[in-house]
N, C-alpha and C. Protein backbone atom coordinates (compact mmCIF):
# COMPACT_ATOMS: atom_id res chain seq x y z
N MET A 1 121.33 110.63 120.61
CA MET A 1 122.07 110.74 119.52
C MET A 1 121.01 111.11 118.18
N PHE A 2 119.91 110.32 118.15
CA PHE A 2 118.74 110.63 117.25
C PHE A 2 118.61 111.91 117.14
N ALA A 3 118.14 112.65 118.41
CA ALA A 3 117.53 113.92 118.44
C ALA A 3 118.64 114.92 118.13
N ARG A 4 119.80 114.58 118.34
CA ARG A 4 121.10 115.70 117.67
C ARG A 4 121.12 115.54 116.19
N THR A 5 120.83 114.33 115.62
CA THR A 5 120.85 114.32 114.22
C THR A 5 119.78 114.64 113.71
N LEU A 6 118.47 114.71 114.13
CA LEU A 6 117.21 115.51 113.71
C LEU A 6 117.45 116.88 113.60
N ILE A 7 117.89 117.32 115.00
CA ILE A 7 118.37 118.94 114.74
C ILE A 7 119.16 119.28 113.81
N ALA A 8 120.52 118.62 113.77
CA ALA A 8 121.27 118.62 112.75
C ALA A 8 120.80 118.95 111.33
N PHE A 9 119.83 117.80 110.83
CA PHE A 9 119.31 117.86 109.73
C PHE A 9 118.41 119.12 109.49
N SER A 10 117.37 119.38 110.52
CA SER A 10 116.51 120.50 110.52
C SER A 10 117.26 121.75 110.04
N THR A 11 118.55 121.94 110.85
CA THR A 11 119.49 123.06 110.49
C THR A 11 119.84 123.02 109.12
N ALA A 12 120.29 121.93 108.56
CA ALA A 12 120.80 121.81 107.31
C ALA A 12 119.82 122.08 106.39
N VAL A 13 118.76 121.37 106.55
CA VAL A 13 117.67 122.04 105.42
C VAL A 13 117.22 123.46 105.60
N ALA A 14 117.15 124.13 106.78
CA ALA A 14 117.03 125.73 106.63
C ALA A 14 118.36 126.44 106.04
N ALA A 15 119.52 125.91 106.52
CA ALA A 15 120.78 126.47 105.82
C ALA A 15 120.77 126.20 104.29
N ALA A 16 120.23 125.32 103.80
CA ALA A 16 120.21 125.03 102.25
C ALA A 16 119.61 126.35 101.51
N LEU A 17 118.72 126.97 102.36
CA LEU A 17 118.02 128.17 101.64
C LEU A 17 118.53 129.34 101.87
N LEU A 18 119.63 129.37 102.69
CA LEU A 18 120.38 130.83 102.98
C LEU A 18 121.10 131.51 101.92
N PRO A 19 121.49 130.54 100.90
CA PRO A 19 122.34 131.49 100.04
C PRO A 19 121.27 132.06 99.01
N THR A 20 120.20 131.35 98.65
CA THR A 20 119.19 131.83 97.88
C THR A 20 118.54 133.19 98.75
N ALA A 21 118.27 133.03 99.97
CA ALA A 21 117.64 134.13 100.82
C ALA A 21 118.36 135.18 100.59
N ALA A 22 119.89 135.01 100.76
CA ALA A 22 120.75 136.40 101.00
C ALA A 22 121.09 136.74 99.71
N PHE A 23 120.79 136.13 98.55
CA PHE A 23 121.49 136.41 97.31
C PHE A 23 120.75 137.18 96.42
N ALA A 24 121.14 138.32 95.79
CA ALA A 24 120.33 139.17 94.80
C ALA A 24 121.30 139.35 93.65
N GLN A 25 120.81 138.71 92.33
CA GLN A 25 121.41 138.75 91.36
C GLN A 25 121.00 139.71 90.34
N GLY A 26 121.84 141.15 90.54
CA GLY A 26 121.54 142.28 90.05
C GLY A 26 120.31 142.76 90.61
N ALA A 27 119.20 143.21 89.45
CA ALA A 27 118.25 143.72 90.06
C ALA A 27 117.16 142.88 90.68
N VAL A 28 117.30 141.46 90.65
CA VAL A 28 116.34 140.75 91.31
C VAL A 28 116.77 140.13 92.50
N THR A 29 115.70 140.24 93.43
CA THR A 29 116.09 139.62 94.80
C THR A 29 115.33 138.37 95.14
N LEU A 30 116.00 137.43 95.64
CA LEU A 30 115.43 136.09 95.90
C LEU A 30 115.31 135.85 97.40
N SER A 31 114.28 135.10 97.83
CA SER A 31 113.97 134.58 99.39
C SER A 31 113.44 133.21 99.07
N GLY A 32 113.90 132.43 100.08
CA GLY A 32 113.43 131.19 100.36
C GLY A 32 112.85 130.42 101.41
N GLU A 33 112.19 129.53 101.38
CA GLU A 33 111.58 129.04 102.59
C GLU A 33 111.31 127.50 102.32
N VAL A 34 111.30 126.76 103.56
CA VAL A 34 110.99 125.23 103.31
C VAL A 34 109.92 124.78 104.30
N LYS A 35 108.97 124.20 103.95
CA LYS A 35 107.64 123.80 104.61
C LYS A 35 107.81 122.17 104.65
N VAL A 36 107.36 121.50 105.66
CA VAL A 36 107.06 120.05 105.87
C VAL A 36 105.43 119.90 105.59
N VAL A 37 105.22 118.77 104.88
CA VAL A 37 103.70 118.43 104.39
C VAL A 37 103.18 117.63 105.71
N LYS A 38 102.27 117.94 106.23
CA LYS A 38 101.57 117.28 107.19
C LYS A 38 100.12 116.84 106.94
N MET A 39 99.52 116.02 107.51
CA MET A 39 98.30 115.41 107.44
C MET A 39 97.32 116.19 108.51
N GLU A 40 96.27 116.96 108.16
CA GLU A 40 95.61 117.54 109.16
C GLU A 40 94.00 117.11 109.15
N MET A 41 93.62 116.67 110.29
CA MET A 41 92.36 116.16 110.14
C MET A 41 91.13 117.36 110.58
N SER A 42 90.16 117.28 109.78
CA SER A 42 89.23 118.26 109.85
C SER A 42 87.58 117.53 109.69
N THR A 43 86.79 118.52 109.68
CA THR A 43 85.41 117.99 109.88
C THR A 43 85.16 117.43 108.38
N SER A 44 85.71 117.99 107.49
CA SER A 44 85.47 117.49 105.77
C SER A 44 86.54 116.50 105.62
N GLY A 45 87.29 115.98 106.64
CA GLY A 45 88.36 114.81 106.21
C GLY A 45 89.77 115.23 106.32
N ASN A 46 90.69 114.37 105.93
CA ASN A 46 92.10 114.59 106.07
C ASN A 46 92.44 115.67 104.84
N GLN A 47 93.38 116.53 105.22
CA GLN A 47 93.82 117.38 104.25
C GLN A 47 95.33 117.80 104.60
N GLU A 48 96.11 118.03 103.41
CA GLU A 48 97.44 118.09 103.62
C GLU A 48 97.70 119.74 103.89
N VAL A 49 98.54 120.04 105.09
CA VAL A 49 98.85 121.46 105.18
C VAL A 49 100.21 121.57 105.32
N LEU A 50 100.85 122.67 105.16
CA LEU A 50 102.17 123.13 105.17
C LEU A 50 102.52 123.68 106.41
N VAL A 51 103.53 123.29 107.02
CA VAL A 51 103.97 123.76 108.33
C VAL A 51 105.52 124.12 108.52
N GLU A 52 106.01 124.98 109.52
CA GLU A 52 107.29 125.05 109.60
C GLU A 52 108.05 123.73 110.20
N PRO A 53 109.31 123.69 109.63
CA PRO A 53 110.02 122.36 110.18
C PRO A 53 110.68 122.34 111.28
N THR A 54 110.03 122.36 112.51
CA THR A 54 110.69 122.29 113.68
C THR A 54 111.33 120.93 114.08
N SER A 55 110.81 119.89 113.44
CA SER A 55 111.57 118.62 113.36
C SER A 55 111.16 118.09 111.97
N VAL A 56 112.17 117.11 111.52
CA VAL A 56 111.66 116.29 110.35
C VAL A 56 112.20 114.79 110.51
N LEU A 57 111.73 113.98 110.00
CA LEU A 57 112.07 112.40 110.05
C LEU A 57 112.18 111.88 108.57
N PRO A 58 112.84 110.97 108.67
CA PRO A 58 113.15 110.11 107.39
C PRO A 58 111.59 109.99 106.77
N GLY A 59 111.33 110.10 105.49
CA GLY A 59 110.16 109.99 104.76
C GLY A 59 108.93 111.22 104.79
N ASP A 60 109.52 112.07 105.77
CA ASP A 60 108.85 113.43 105.52
C ASP A 60 108.85 114.11 104.32
N ARG A 61 107.73 114.58 103.87
CA ARG A 61 107.74 115.31 102.59
C ARG A 61 107.86 116.81 102.86
N LEU A 62 108.57 117.51 102.09
CA LEU A 62 109.02 118.82 102.32
C LEU A 62 108.68 119.55 100.74
N VAL A 63 108.70 120.85 101.05
CA VAL A 63 108.11 121.85 99.80
C VAL A 63 109.35 122.89 99.95
N PHE A 64 110.11 123.07 99.04
CA PHE A 64 111.17 124.27 98.97
C PHE A 64 110.62 125.26 98.01
N THR A 65 110.41 126.48 98.28
CA THR A 65 109.92 127.55 97.92
C THR A 65 111.05 128.72 97.66
N THR A 66 111.18 129.12 96.31
CA THR A 66 112.05 130.46 96.15
C THR A 66 111.15 131.44 95.43
N ARG A 67 111.13 132.49 96.14
CA ARG A 67 110.40 133.66 95.54
C ARG A 67 111.37 134.71 95.00
N PHE A 68 111.19 135.42 93.79
CA PHE A 68 111.86 136.39 93.07
C PHE A 68 110.97 137.55 92.77
N THR A 69 111.66 138.76 92.80
CA THR A 69 111.20 140.01 92.48
C THR A 69 112.21 140.99 91.73
N ASN A 70 111.53 141.55 90.72
CA ASN A 70 112.49 142.49 90.03
C ASN A 70 112.41 143.79 90.51
N ASN A 71 113.23 144.13 91.00
CA ASN A 71 113.18 145.53 91.86
C ASN A 71 113.64 146.77 90.94
N THR A 72 113.36 146.88 89.71
CA THR A 72 113.89 147.85 88.85
C THR A 72 112.61 148.16 88.04
N SER A 73 112.95 149.20 87.05
CA SER A 73 111.81 149.55 85.95
C SER A 73 112.11 148.95 84.59
N ALA A 74 113.08 148.05 84.60
CA ALA A 74 113.32 147.29 83.36
C ALA A 74 113.06 145.87 83.30
N THR A 75 112.79 145.30 82.52
CA THR A 75 112.26 143.90 82.27
C THR A 75 113.78 143.23 82.44
N VAL A 76 113.69 141.96 83.23
CA VAL A 76 114.79 141.05 83.17
C VAL A 76 114.38 139.77 82.65
N ASP A 77 115.39 139.68 81.72
CA ASP A 77 115.22 138.31 80.59
C ASP A 77 115.97 137.08 80.90
N ASN A 78 115.62 135.87 80.92
CA ASN A 78 116.35 134.73 80.94
C ASN A 78 117.16 134.66 82.51
N PHE A 79 116.28 134.87 83.41
CA PHE A 79 116.90 134.88 84.81
C PHE A 79 116.86 133.49 85.30
N VAL A 80 118.07 133.00 85.75
CA VAL A 80 118.31 131.42 86.27
C VAL A 80 118.44 131.53 87.62
N ILE A 81 117.62 130.66 88.41
CA ILE A 81 117.74 130.22 89.67
C ILE A 81 118.16 128.76 89.89
N SER A 82 119.38 128.65 90.46
CA SER A 82 119.87 127.20 90.62
C SER A 82 119.83 126.93 92.22
N ASN A 83 119.59 125.92 92.35
CA ASN A 83 119.37 125.14 93.75
C ASN A 83 120.20 123.93 93.87
N PRO A 84 121.11 123.70 94.72
CA PRO A 84 121.58 122.46 95.09
C PRO A 84 120.65 121.75 95.99
N LEU A 85 120.60 120.43 95.96
CA LEU A 85 119.70 119.84 96.95
C LEU A 85 120.53 119.33 98.04
N PRO A 86 120.20 119.53 99.32
CA PRO A 86 120.70 119.11 100.48
C PRO A 86 121.05 117.51 100.44
N LYS A 87 121.86 116.96 100.86
CA LYS A 87 122.13 115.73 100.67
C LYS A 87 121.26 114.81 101.49
N ALA A 88 120.52 115.22 102.51
CA ALA A 88 119.65 114.47 103.19
C ALA A 88 118.31 114.49 102.55
N ILE A 89 118.03 115.25 101.52
CA ILE A 89 116.78 114.84 100.84
C ILE A 89 117.06 114.25 99.55
N ILE A 90 115.71 113.86 99.13
CA ILE A 90 115.60 113.36 97.75
C ILE A 90 114.61 113.78 97.09
N LEU A 91 114.90 114.29 95.79
CA LEU A 91 113.60 114.93 95.02
C LEU A 91 112.69 114.07 94.86
N THR A 92 111.43 114.32 94.77
CA THR A 92 110.30 113.35 94.61
C THR A 92 109.42 113.57 93.54
N GLU A 93 109.56 114.69 92.82
CA GLU A 93 108.61 114.87 91.50
C GLU A 93 109.68 115.90 90.58
N THR A 94 109.31 115.53 89.43
CA THR A 94 110.01 116.26 88.14
C THR A 94 109.14 117.64 88.17
N GLY A 95 109.69 118.76 87.59
CA GLY A 95 108.87 119.86 87.47
C GLY A 95 109.33 120.61 86.32
N ASN A 96 109.01 122.07 86.32
CA ASN A 96 109.37 122.85 85.19
C ASN A 96 110.77 123.16 85.31
N PHE A 97 111.80 122.47 85.84
CA PHE A 97 113.07 122.78 85.92
C PHE A 97 113.98 121.88 85.40
N ASP A 98 115.28 122.17 85.14
CA ASP A 98 116.31 121.26 84.54
C ASP A 98 116.90 120.48 85.83
N MET A 99 117.83 119.62 85.49
CA MET A 99 118.32 118.82 86.47
C MET A 99 119.56 118.55 86.40
N SER A 100 120.44 118.50 87.37
CA SER A 100 121.80 118.17 87.18
C SER A 100 122.32 116.75 88.41
N ILE A 101 122.94 115.84 87.67
CA ILE A 101 123.26 114.65 88.33
C ILE A 101 125.01 114.78 88.60
N ASP A 102 125.56 115.81 88.14
CA ASP A 102 126.98 116.16 88.50
C ASP A 102 127.34 117.25 89.38
N GLY A 103 126.63 117.51 90.40
CA GLY A 103 126.82 118.61 91.22
C GLY A 103 126.60 119.89 90.32
N GLY A 104 125.83 120.24 89.51
CA GLY A 104 125.41 121.32 88.80
C GLY A 104 126.46 121.90 87.69
N ASN A 105 127.09 120.82 87.25
CA ASN A 105 128.17 121.22 86.10
C ASN A 105 127.15 121.06 84.77
N THR A 106 126.44 120.37 84.50
CA THR A 106 125.60 120.18 83.42
C THR A 106 124.06 119.96 83.83
N PHE A 107 123.12 120.36 82.97
CA PHE A 107 121.79 120.43 83.25
C PHE A 107 120.87 119.95 82.10
N ALA A 108 120.00 119.23 82.26
CA ALA A 108 119.18 118.65 81.42
C ALA A 108 117.55 118.15 81.75
N GLY A 109 116.87 117.73 81.08
CA GLY A 109 115.58 117.03 81.59
C GLY A 109 116.14 115.80 82.06
N LEU A 110 115.34 114.86 83.25
CA LEU A 110 115.83 113.89 83.78
C LEU A 110 115.86 112.69 82.62
N ASP A 111 115.05 112.78 81.82
CA ASP A 111 115.06 111.62 80.61
C ASP A 111 116.20 111.81 79.67
N MET A 112 116.97 112.89 79.84
CA MET A 112 118.15 112.87 79.16
C MET A 112 119.57 112.58 79.71
N LEU A 113 119.51 112.41 81.18
CA LEU A 113 120.54 112.03 82.05
C LEU A 113 120.80 110.53 82.16
N MET A 114 121.91 110.34 82.18
CA MET A 114 122.61 108.92 82.28
C MET A 114 123.55 108.95 83.51
N ILE A 115 123.51 107.93 84.09
CA ILE A 115 124.31 107.63 85.10
C ILE A 115 125.34 106.48 84.68
N THR A 116 126.84 106.58 84.93
CA THR A 116 127.64 105.37 84.54
C THR A 116 127.95 104.82 85.87
N GLU A 117 127.81 103.57 86.09
CA GLU A 117 128.00 102.68 87.16
C GLU A 117 129.31 102.43 87.35
N PRO A 118 129.81 102.11 88.58
CA PRO A 118 131.22 101.74 88.69
C PRO A 118 131.81 100.60 87.66
N ASP A 119 130.99 99.53 87.01
CA ASP A 119 131.35 98.74 86.30
C ASP A 119 131.25 99.15 84.76
N GLY A 120 130.92 100.44 84.70
CA GLY A 120 131.07 100.94 83.07
C GLY A 120 129.78 100.93 82.40
N THR A 121 128.88 100.27 83.04
CA THR A 121 127.20 100.41 82.37
C THR A 121 126.78 101.59 82.42
N GLU A 122 125.90 101.95 81.60
CA GLU A 122 125.01 102.99 81.96
C GLU A 122 123.63 102.79 82.23
N ARG A 123 122.95 103.80 82.75
CA ARG A 123 121.42 103.54 83.19
C ARG A 123 120.75 104.83 83.05
N PRO A 124 119.66 104.99 83.06
CA PRO A 124 118.90 106.45 82.99
C PRO A 124 118.92 106.77 84.73
N ALA A 125 119.10 108.08 84.69
CA ALA A 125 119.02 108.76 85.90
C ALA A 125 117.60 108.80 86.58
N GLU A 126 117.70 108.65 87.97
CA GLU A 126 116.37 108.72 88.71
C GLU A 126 116.31 109.87 89.28
N LEU A 127 115.40 110.20 90.22
CA LEU A 127 114.97 111.26 91.08
C LEU A 127 116.33 111.26 92.18
N SER A 128 116.58 110.19 92.70
CA SER A 128 117.60 109.91 93.64
C SER A 128 118.70 110.26 93.24
N ASP A 129 119.16 110.28 91.81
CA ASP A 129 120.47 110.85 91.65
C ASP A 129 120.76 112.35 91.35
N VAL A 130 119.70 113.16 91.49
CA VAL A 130 119.45 114.50 91.13
C VAL A 130 120.17 115.18 92.27
N THR A 131 121.37 116.21 91.92
CA THR A 131 122.13 117.11 92.82
C THR A 131 121.69 118.15 92.86
N ASP A 132 121.20 118.94 91.85
CA ASP A 132 120.92 120.34 91.75
C ASP A 132 119.78 120.63 90.76
N ILE A 133 119.06 121.38 90.88
CA ILE A 133 117.96 121.74 90.02
C ILE A 133 118.13 123.14 89.75
N ARG A 134 117.43 123.51 88.30
CA ARG A 134 117.72 125.13 87.82
C ARG A 134 116.59 125.34 86.97
N TRP A 135 115.98 126.60 87.37
CA TRP A 135 114.95 127.26 86.48
C TRP A 135 115.49 128.54 85.67
N THR A 136 115.03 128.38 84.66
CA THR A 136 115.23 129.66 83.88
C THR A 136 113.83 130.56 83.64
N ILE A 137 113.82 131.70 84.13
CA ILE A 137 112.62 132.62 84.02
C ILE A 137 112.82 133.20 82.76
N ALA A 138 111.90 133.24 81.93
CA ALA A 138 111.85 133.79 80.58
C ALA A 138 112.07 135.27 80.71
N SER A 139 111.18 135.93 81.39
CA SER A 139 111.01 137.40 81.51
C SER A 139 110.39 137.67 83.13
N ILE A 140 110.87 138.76 83.48
CA ILE A 140 110.29 139.16 84.71
C ILE A 140 110.23 140.68 84.53
N ALA A 141 108.82 141.16 84.41
CA ALA A 141 108.52 142.28 84.25
C ALA A 141 109.09 143.23 85.17
N PRO A 142 109.21 144.47 85.00
CA PRO A 142 109.46 145.56 86.05
C PRO A 142 108.54 145.63 87.25
N GLY A 143 108.99 145.20 88.47
CA GLY A 143 108.27 145.21 89.65
C GLY A 143 107.67 143.85 89.73
N GLY A 144 107.78 143.23 88.90
CA GLY A 144 107.16 141.73 88.78
C GLY A 144 107.52 140.93 89.81
N SER A 145 106.95 139.69 90.28
CA SER A 145 107.58 138.74 91.18
C SER A 145 106.92 137.20 90.79
N GLY A 146 107.40 136.23 91.22
CA GLY A 146 106.76 135.15 91.12
C GLY A 146 107.45 134.01 91.97
N GLN A 147 107.14 132.82 91.98
CA GLN A 147 107.92 132.05 92.71
C GLN A 147 108.07 130.61 92.03
N VAL A 148 109.14 129.70 92.71
CA VAL A 148 109.31 128.22 91.89
C VAL A 148 109.51 127.42 93.06
N LYS A 149 108.93 126.01 92.81
CA LYS A 149 108.85 125.00 93.90
C LYS A 149 109.47 123.98 93.63
N TYR A 150 110.05 123.29 94.40
CA TYR A 150 110.34 121.71 94.26
C TYR A 150 109.77 120.90 95.53
N TRP A 151 109.38 119.56 95.21
CA TRP A 151 108.94 118.82 96.18
C TRP A 151 110.07 117.69 96.48
N ALA A 152 110.38 117.30 97.57
CA ALA A 152 111.48 116.38 98.20
C ALA A 152 110.97 115.75 99.39
N ALA A 153 111.75 114.67 99.91
CA ALA A 153 111.64 113.92 100.87
C ALA A 153 112.71 113.67 101.71
N VAL A 154 112.72 113.36 103.07
CA VAL A 154 113.79 113.23 103.97
C VAL A 154 114.31 111.79 103.58
N ARG A 155 115.49 111.86 103.14
CA ARG A 155 116.08 110.39 103.08
C ARG A 155 116.14 109.61 104.64
């Protein structure tokens, strides 16, 4: 049963990037990947390496990367990249992106987001509450490219 759950999760993590990888917003194409952070021993000590996710376990750290390329001869301004977070992961760091706690309906910095509890009280949002993240790329030059990343962990 556990092995089936592990395979299903690995498939879900890979599938989370498919909309990004297959999506082209006008002149800009996107591709995505996910890597697992592992510790590797070397003669100079332990170091972190990024590897393909053949299997993942609760607590494993992941890096999601989305690459973008402007395939035209015109500058693209204010390009938006939105990523829903797979339910099986938790965001582990803030970054140069806005966050949503309501399924991508509204975005702001984490310090601006509030959660309403079932009893009606409010509390500041935490990384575990984030459902979506969004970057706005100010300008992508003709033929230009770049990447955005976020760090997460398996719940």
